[in-house]
Amino acid sequence: QRNFEQIIADENFAISFKVEKLCMYDEIQRCFTSDRIGKGHLYLPRFRKISDMAGSYEEAGVEPFILDLLASAPFLFTHPNKKETLNSVNELYDYYEELSLKTAVQRSAESDAIDNKLEELLSGNIFLGALTPAVRVVIKISNRLTTDVGAALTMIAIFRYKRDAGRYPQNLNQLITAGYLKQLPIDSFSNKPLVYKKTEDNFILYSVGPNYIDDGGVSGKDSKGRVRQWRDNGDTVFWPVPE
């Protein structure tokens, strides 16, 4: 457990968007013309290619409309220029980094404000709209990882307590009192410690999961009734291991 704690001591498991940001920098160089003051405009052939690869506009049935707009000279010169788009990318990805430090339940509570901010940052820039990642999904995955790691650490402490005391703790606070944990890992989906319940000869440990509701330790299931982690129709149970 000590080695595991050392490994995770300086890690917050928040996802970084540095690579994606660099990719955006690269694509700006490809998608915009160049001039001496950095105010180039969209280069239509390249943008058509990446919008086809992204597929977002085609699936929404609006790609022809966007391409028609891009093909018009006035639009090409009213779309944010190269320098403005670079500034928008920096602001957008700084905001992504800020969001990645929040827990899932914090982002859920601030959902409307986040939507408004993202709409403001993306407004009027089709280049950004075409290449922006599904940021909420990506960040939620990092929240799962944070909770997974906390659960692993908690279970190690529980089993050490059982080995030494001959019984499972009545509650997680006993792990703190007995020195098996320095602090209780937090469930990113509740902003509270993981739920622990001692049973007659075992225990249950779970996260409330992405529906943010404590379902009493009932695992989420897929459409075929199979237990699956991180479903939004139940809890994510770490122990006992779901069958």
Protein backbone atom coordinates (compact mmCIF):
# COMPACT_ATOMS: atom_id res chain seq x y z
CA GLN A 1 0.00 0.00 0.00
CA ARG A 2 2.86 2.37 0.80
CA ASN A 3 4.32 1.91 -2.68
CA PHE A 4 0.92 2.49 -4.27
CA GLU A 5 0.43 5.67 -2.25
CA GLN A 6 3.84 6.93 -3.36
CA ILE A 7 2.98 6.30 -7.00
CA ILE A 8 -0.26 8.29 -6.84
CA ALA A 9 0.89 10.95 -4.35
CA ASP A 10 1.57 13.66 -6.93
CA GLU A 11 -1.07 12.58 -9.45
CA ASN A 12 -4.52 14.16 -9.59
CA PHE A 13 -5.54 12.12 -12.67
CA ALA A 14 -7.01 15.17 -14.35
CA ILE A 15 -6.75 14.71 -18.08
CA SER A 16 -4.41 17.05 -19.95
CA PHE A 17 -5.31 18.56 -23.31
CA LYS A 18 -1.77 19.64 -24.21
CA VAL A 19 -1.44 17.23 -27.14
CA GLU A 20 -4.85 18.17 -28.54
CA LYS A 21 -3.91 21.82 -28.23
CA LEU A 22 -0.70 21.23 -30.19
CA CYS A 23 -2.72 19.44 -32.87
CA MET A 24 -4.96 22.49 -33.13
CA TYR A 25 -1.90 24.71 -33.53
CA ASP A 26 -0.71 22.46 -36.35
CA GLU A 27 -4.09 22.48 -38.08
CA ILE A 28 -4.31 26.26 -37.88
CA GLN A 29 -1.10 26.38 -39.91
CA ARG A 30 -2.69 24.10 -42.50
CA CYS A 31 -6.19 25.59 -42.57
CA PHE A 32 -5.37 29.28 -42.77
CA THR A 33 -3.45 31.28 -45.31
CA SER A 34 -0.41 33.25 -44.17
CA ASP A 35 0.41 36.92 -44.31
CA ARG A 36 2.97 39.14 -42.65
CA ILE A 37 0.82 40.02 -39.64
CA GLY A 38 -0.73 36.60 -38.95
CA LYS A 39 -4.24 37.48 -40.09
CA GLY A 40 -4.69 34.86 -42.78
CA HIS A 41 -8.14 33.54 -43.66
CA LEU A 42 -9.53 30.03 -43.94
CA TYR A 43 -8.08 27.91 -46.74
CA LEU A 44 -11.17 26.24 -48.18
CA PRO A 45 -9.70 23.03 -49.72
CA ARG A 46 -8.01 22.00 -46.46
CA PHE A 47 -11.01 22.87 -44.31
CA ARG A 48 -13.29 20.79 -46.51
CA LYS A 49 -10.96 17.85 -46.00
CA ILE A 50 -10.86 18.04 -42.21
CA SER A 51 -14.60 18.69 -41.92
CA ASP A 52 -15.16 15.50 -43.92
CA MET A 53 -12.85 13.60 -41.55
CA ALA A 54 -14.57 15.01 -38.46
CA GLY A 55 -17.91 13.94 -39.88
CA SER A 56 -19.83 16.09 -37.45
CA TYR A 57 -21.46 18.34 -40.00
CA GLU A 58 -22.30 15.57 -42.42
CA GLU A 59 -24.05 13.59 -39.71
CA ALA A 60 -26.03 16.64 -38.69
CA GLY A 61 -27.05 17.24 -42.29
CA VAL A 62 -25.63 20.75 -42.41
CA GLU A 63 -22.27 20.20 -44.09
CA PRO A 64 -23.51 21.38 -47.52
CA PHE A 65 -24.80 24.56 -45.87
CA ILE A 66 -21.48 25.22 -44.18
CA LEU A 67 -19.50 24.54 -47.33
CA ASP A 68 -21.75 26.91 -49.23
CA LEU A 69 -20.99 29.58 -46.65
CA LEU A 70 -17.30 28.90 -46.81
CA ALA A 71 -17.36 29.12 -50.59
CA SER A 72 -18.69 32.63 -50.43
CA ALA A 73 -16.01 35.31 -50.42
CA PRO A 74 -17.68 37.51 -47.77
CA PHE A 75 -17.82 34.66 -45.28
CA LEU A 76 -14.20 33.75 -45.77
CA PHE A 77 -13.19 37.21 -44.66
CA THR A 78 -15.70 37.60 -41.81
CA HIS A 79 -14.78 34.28 -40.17
CA PRO A 80 -12.25 34.83 -37.34
CA ASN A 81 -8.81 35.11 -38.89
CA LYS A 82 -5.74 33.05 -38.12
CA LYS A 83 -4.57 35.14 -35.18
CA GLU A 84 -8.06 35.40 -33.68
CA THR A 85 -8.55 31.66 -34.02
CA LEU A 86 -5.22 30.98 -32.32
CA ASN A 87 -6.27 33.19 -29.41
CA SER A 88 -9.61 31.36 -29.24
CA VAL A 89 -7.85 27.99 -29.17
CA ASN A 90 -5.70 29.13 -26.24
CA GLU A 91 -8.72 30.39 -24.32
CA LEU A 92 -10.78 27.31 -25.11
CA TYR A 93 -8.14 24.80 -24.06
CA ASP A 94 -7.31 26.76 -20.92
CA TYR A 95 -10.99 26.40 -20.04
CA TYR A 96 -10.84 22.66 -20.76
CA GLU A 97 -7.93 22.36 -18.33
CA GLU A 98 -9.99 24.24 -15.74
CA LEU A 99 -12.94 21.89 -16.25
CA SER A 100 -10.71 18.82 -15.95
CA LEU A 101 -9.86 19.78 -12.35
CA LYS A 102 -13.52 19.70 -11.29
CA THR A 103 -15.27 16.57 -10.09
CA ALA A 104 -18.10 15.12 -12.13
CA VAL A 105 -20.72 16.31 -9.66
CA GLN A 106 -19.28 19.85 -9.69
CA ARG A 107 -19.56 20.00 -13.48
CA SER A 108 -23.08 18.63 -13.32
CA ALA A 109 -24.10 21.39 -10.91
CA GLU A 110 -22.51 24.00 -13.19
CA SER A 111 -23.84 22.48 -16.41
CA ASP A 112 -25.74 25.53 -17.65
CA ALA A 113 -22.85 27.89 -16.96
CA ILE A 114 -20.45 25.53 -18.73
CA ASP A 115 -22.76 25.28 -21.74
CA ASN A 116 -22.97 29.06 -21.96
CA LYS A 117 -19.21 29.47 -21.67
CA LEU A 118 -18.49 26.87 -24.37
CA GLU A 119 -21.08 28.42 -26.66
CA GLU A 120 -19.42 31.80 -26.15
CA LEU A 121 -15.95 30.41 -26.90
CA LEU A 122 -17.06 28.53 -30.02
CA SER A 123 -19.48 31.11 -31.36
CA GLY A 124 -18.88 32.10 -34.97
CA ASN A 125 -15.80 29.92 -35.44
CA ILE A 126 -16.60 26.95 -37.65
CA PHE A 127 -13.00 25.77 -37.55
CA LEU A 128 -13.21 25.27 -33.79
CA GLY A 129 -16.66 23.74 -34.06
CA ALA A 130 -15.41 21.10 -36.49
CA LEU A 131 -12.39 20.03 -34.44
CA THR A 132 -13.51 20.43 -30.83
CA PRO A 133 -13.34 17.09 -28.97
CA ALA A 134 -16.18 15.59 -26.94
CA VAL A 135 -14.61 17.22 -23.92
CA ARG A 136 -17.22 16.30 -21.32
CA VAL A 137 -17.02 12.60 -22.16
CA VAL A 138 -13.24 12.66 -22.04
CA ILE A 139 -13.10 14.48 -18.70
CA LYS A 140 -15.72 12.18 -17.17
CA ILE A 141 -13.46 9.23 -18.01
CA SER A 142 -10.68 10.86 -15.97
CA ASN A 143 -13.17 11.24 -13.09
CA ARG A 144 -13.81 7.51 -13.30
CA LEU A 145 -10.07 6.84 -13.11
CA THR A 146 -9.71 9.06 -10.05
CA THR A 147 -12.51 7.15 -8.33
CA ASP A 148 -11.15 3.76 -9.45
CA VAL A 149 -7.76 4.55 -7.92
CA GLY A 150 -9.36 5.76 -4.69
CA ALA A 151 -11.41 2.56 -4.50
CA ALA A 152 -8.31 0.40 -5.04
CA LEU A 153 -6.47 2.20 -2.23
CA THR A 154 -9.49 1.86 0.06
CA MET A 155 -9.83 -1.87 -0.60
CA ILE A 156 -6.14 -2.47 0.12
CA ALA A 157 -6.59 -0.70 3.46
CA ILE A 158 -9.76 -2.69 4.24
CA PHE A 159 -8.07 -6.03 3.59
CA ARG A 160 -5.02 -5.02 5.65
CA TYR A 161 -7.35 -4.11 8.51
CA LYS A 162 -9.11 -7.47 8.15
CA ARG A 163 -5.79 -9.32 8.20
CA ASP A 164 -4.64 -7.56 11.36
CA ALA A 165 -7.94 -7.25 13.27
CA GLY A 166 -9.62 -10.44 12.09
CA ARG A 167 -12.72 -8.54 11.01
CA TYR A 168 -13.77 -5.86 8.57
CA PRO A 169 -14.06 -2.27 9.87
CA GLN A 170 -17.50 -1.05 10.87
CA ASN A 171 -16.97 2.07 8.78
CA LEU A 172 -14.25 3.72 6.73
CA ASN A 173 -13.38 6.19 9.48
CA GLN A 174 -11.92 3.28 11.45
CA LEU A 175 -9.29 2.98 8.72
CA ILE A 176 -8.22 6.54 9.49
CA THR A 177 -8.23 6.03 13.25
CA ALA A 178 -6.21 2.81 12.97
CA GLY A 179 -3.69 4.39 10.60
CA TYR A 180 -4.50 2.39 7.47
CA LEU A 181 -5.50 5.49 5.50
CA LYS A 182 -4.39 9.10 5.81
CA GLN A 183 -7.66 10.37 4.38
CA LEU A 184 -10.76 8.94 2.74
CA PRO A 185 -10.69 8.94 -1.08
CA ILE A 186 -13.50 11.00 -2.57
CA ASP A 187 -16.06 9.74 -5.08
CA SER A 188 -15.93 12.19 -8.01
CA PHE A 189 -19.62 11.55 -8.63
CA SER A 190 -20.81 12.59 -5.17
CA ASN A 191 -18.02 14.76 -3.71
CA LYS A 192 -18.24 12.45 -0.70
CA PRO A 193 -16.28 9.38 0.38
CA LEU A 194 -17.07 6.12 -1.39
CA VAL A 195 -20.03 4.27 0.10
CA TYR A 196 -18.98 1.43 2.41
CA LYS A 197 -21.36 -1.01 4.06
CA LYS A 198 -20.27 -3.90 6.25
CA THR A 199 -22.32 -7.07 5.83
CA GLU A 200 -22.40 -10.20 8.00
CA ASP A 201 -19.18 -11.67 6.61
CA ASN A 202 -18.16 -9.29 3.83
CA PHE A 203 -18.55 -5.67 2.73
CA ILE A 204 -19.72 -3.61 -0.20
CA LEU A 205 -17.85 -0.61 -1.59
CA TYR A 206 -19.21 1.50 -4.40
CA SER A 207 -19.47 4.83 -6.19
CA VAL A 208 -22.86 6.35 -6.86
CA GLY A 209 -21.83 6.48 -10.51
CA PRO A 210 -22.71 8.82 -13.37
CA ASN A 211 -26.37 9.19 -12.42
CA TYR A 212 -25.18 10.87 -9.16
CA ILE A 213 -27.75 8.83 -7.20
CA ASP A 214 -27.07 6.30 -4.45
CA ASP A 215 -28.94 3.21 -5.66
CA GLY A 216 -28.06 1.23 -2.55
CA GLY A 217 -25.20 -0.68 -4.15
CA VAL A 218 -27.25 -2.00 -7.07
CA SER A 219 -24.96 -2.21 -10.09
CA GLY A 220 -25.77 -0.55 -13.39
CA LYS A 221 -26.59 -2.83 -16.30
CA ASP A 222 -26.45 -2.71 -20.07
CA SER A 223 -29.41 -3.20 -22.42
CA LYS A 224 -29.06 -7.00 -22.07
CA GLY A 225 -29.18 -6.92 -18.30
CA ARG A 226 -25.46 -7.55 -17.83
CA VAL A 227 -23.66 -5.77 -14.99
CA ARG A 228 -21.40 -3.05 -16.32
CA GLN A 229 -19.24 -0.48 -14.58
CA TRP A 230 -20.07 3.22 -14.90
CA ARG A 231 -23.57 2.83 -16.30
CA ASP A 232 -26.03 5.63 -15.60
CA ASN A 233 -28.76 3.29 -14.31
CA GLY A 234 -27.08 2.15 -11.12
CA ASP A 235 -24.03 2.29 -8.88
CA THR A 236 -20.49 1.28 -9.78
CA VAL A 237 -19.68 -1.51 -7.33
CA PHE A 238 -16.00 -2.21 -6.63
CA TRP A 239 -16.50 -4.93 -4.02
CA PRO A 240 -17.72 -7.60 -4.13
CA VAL A 241 -16.54 -7.88 -7.72
CA PRO A 242 -19.71 -7.95 -9.86
CA GLU A 243 -20.29 -11.21 -11.72
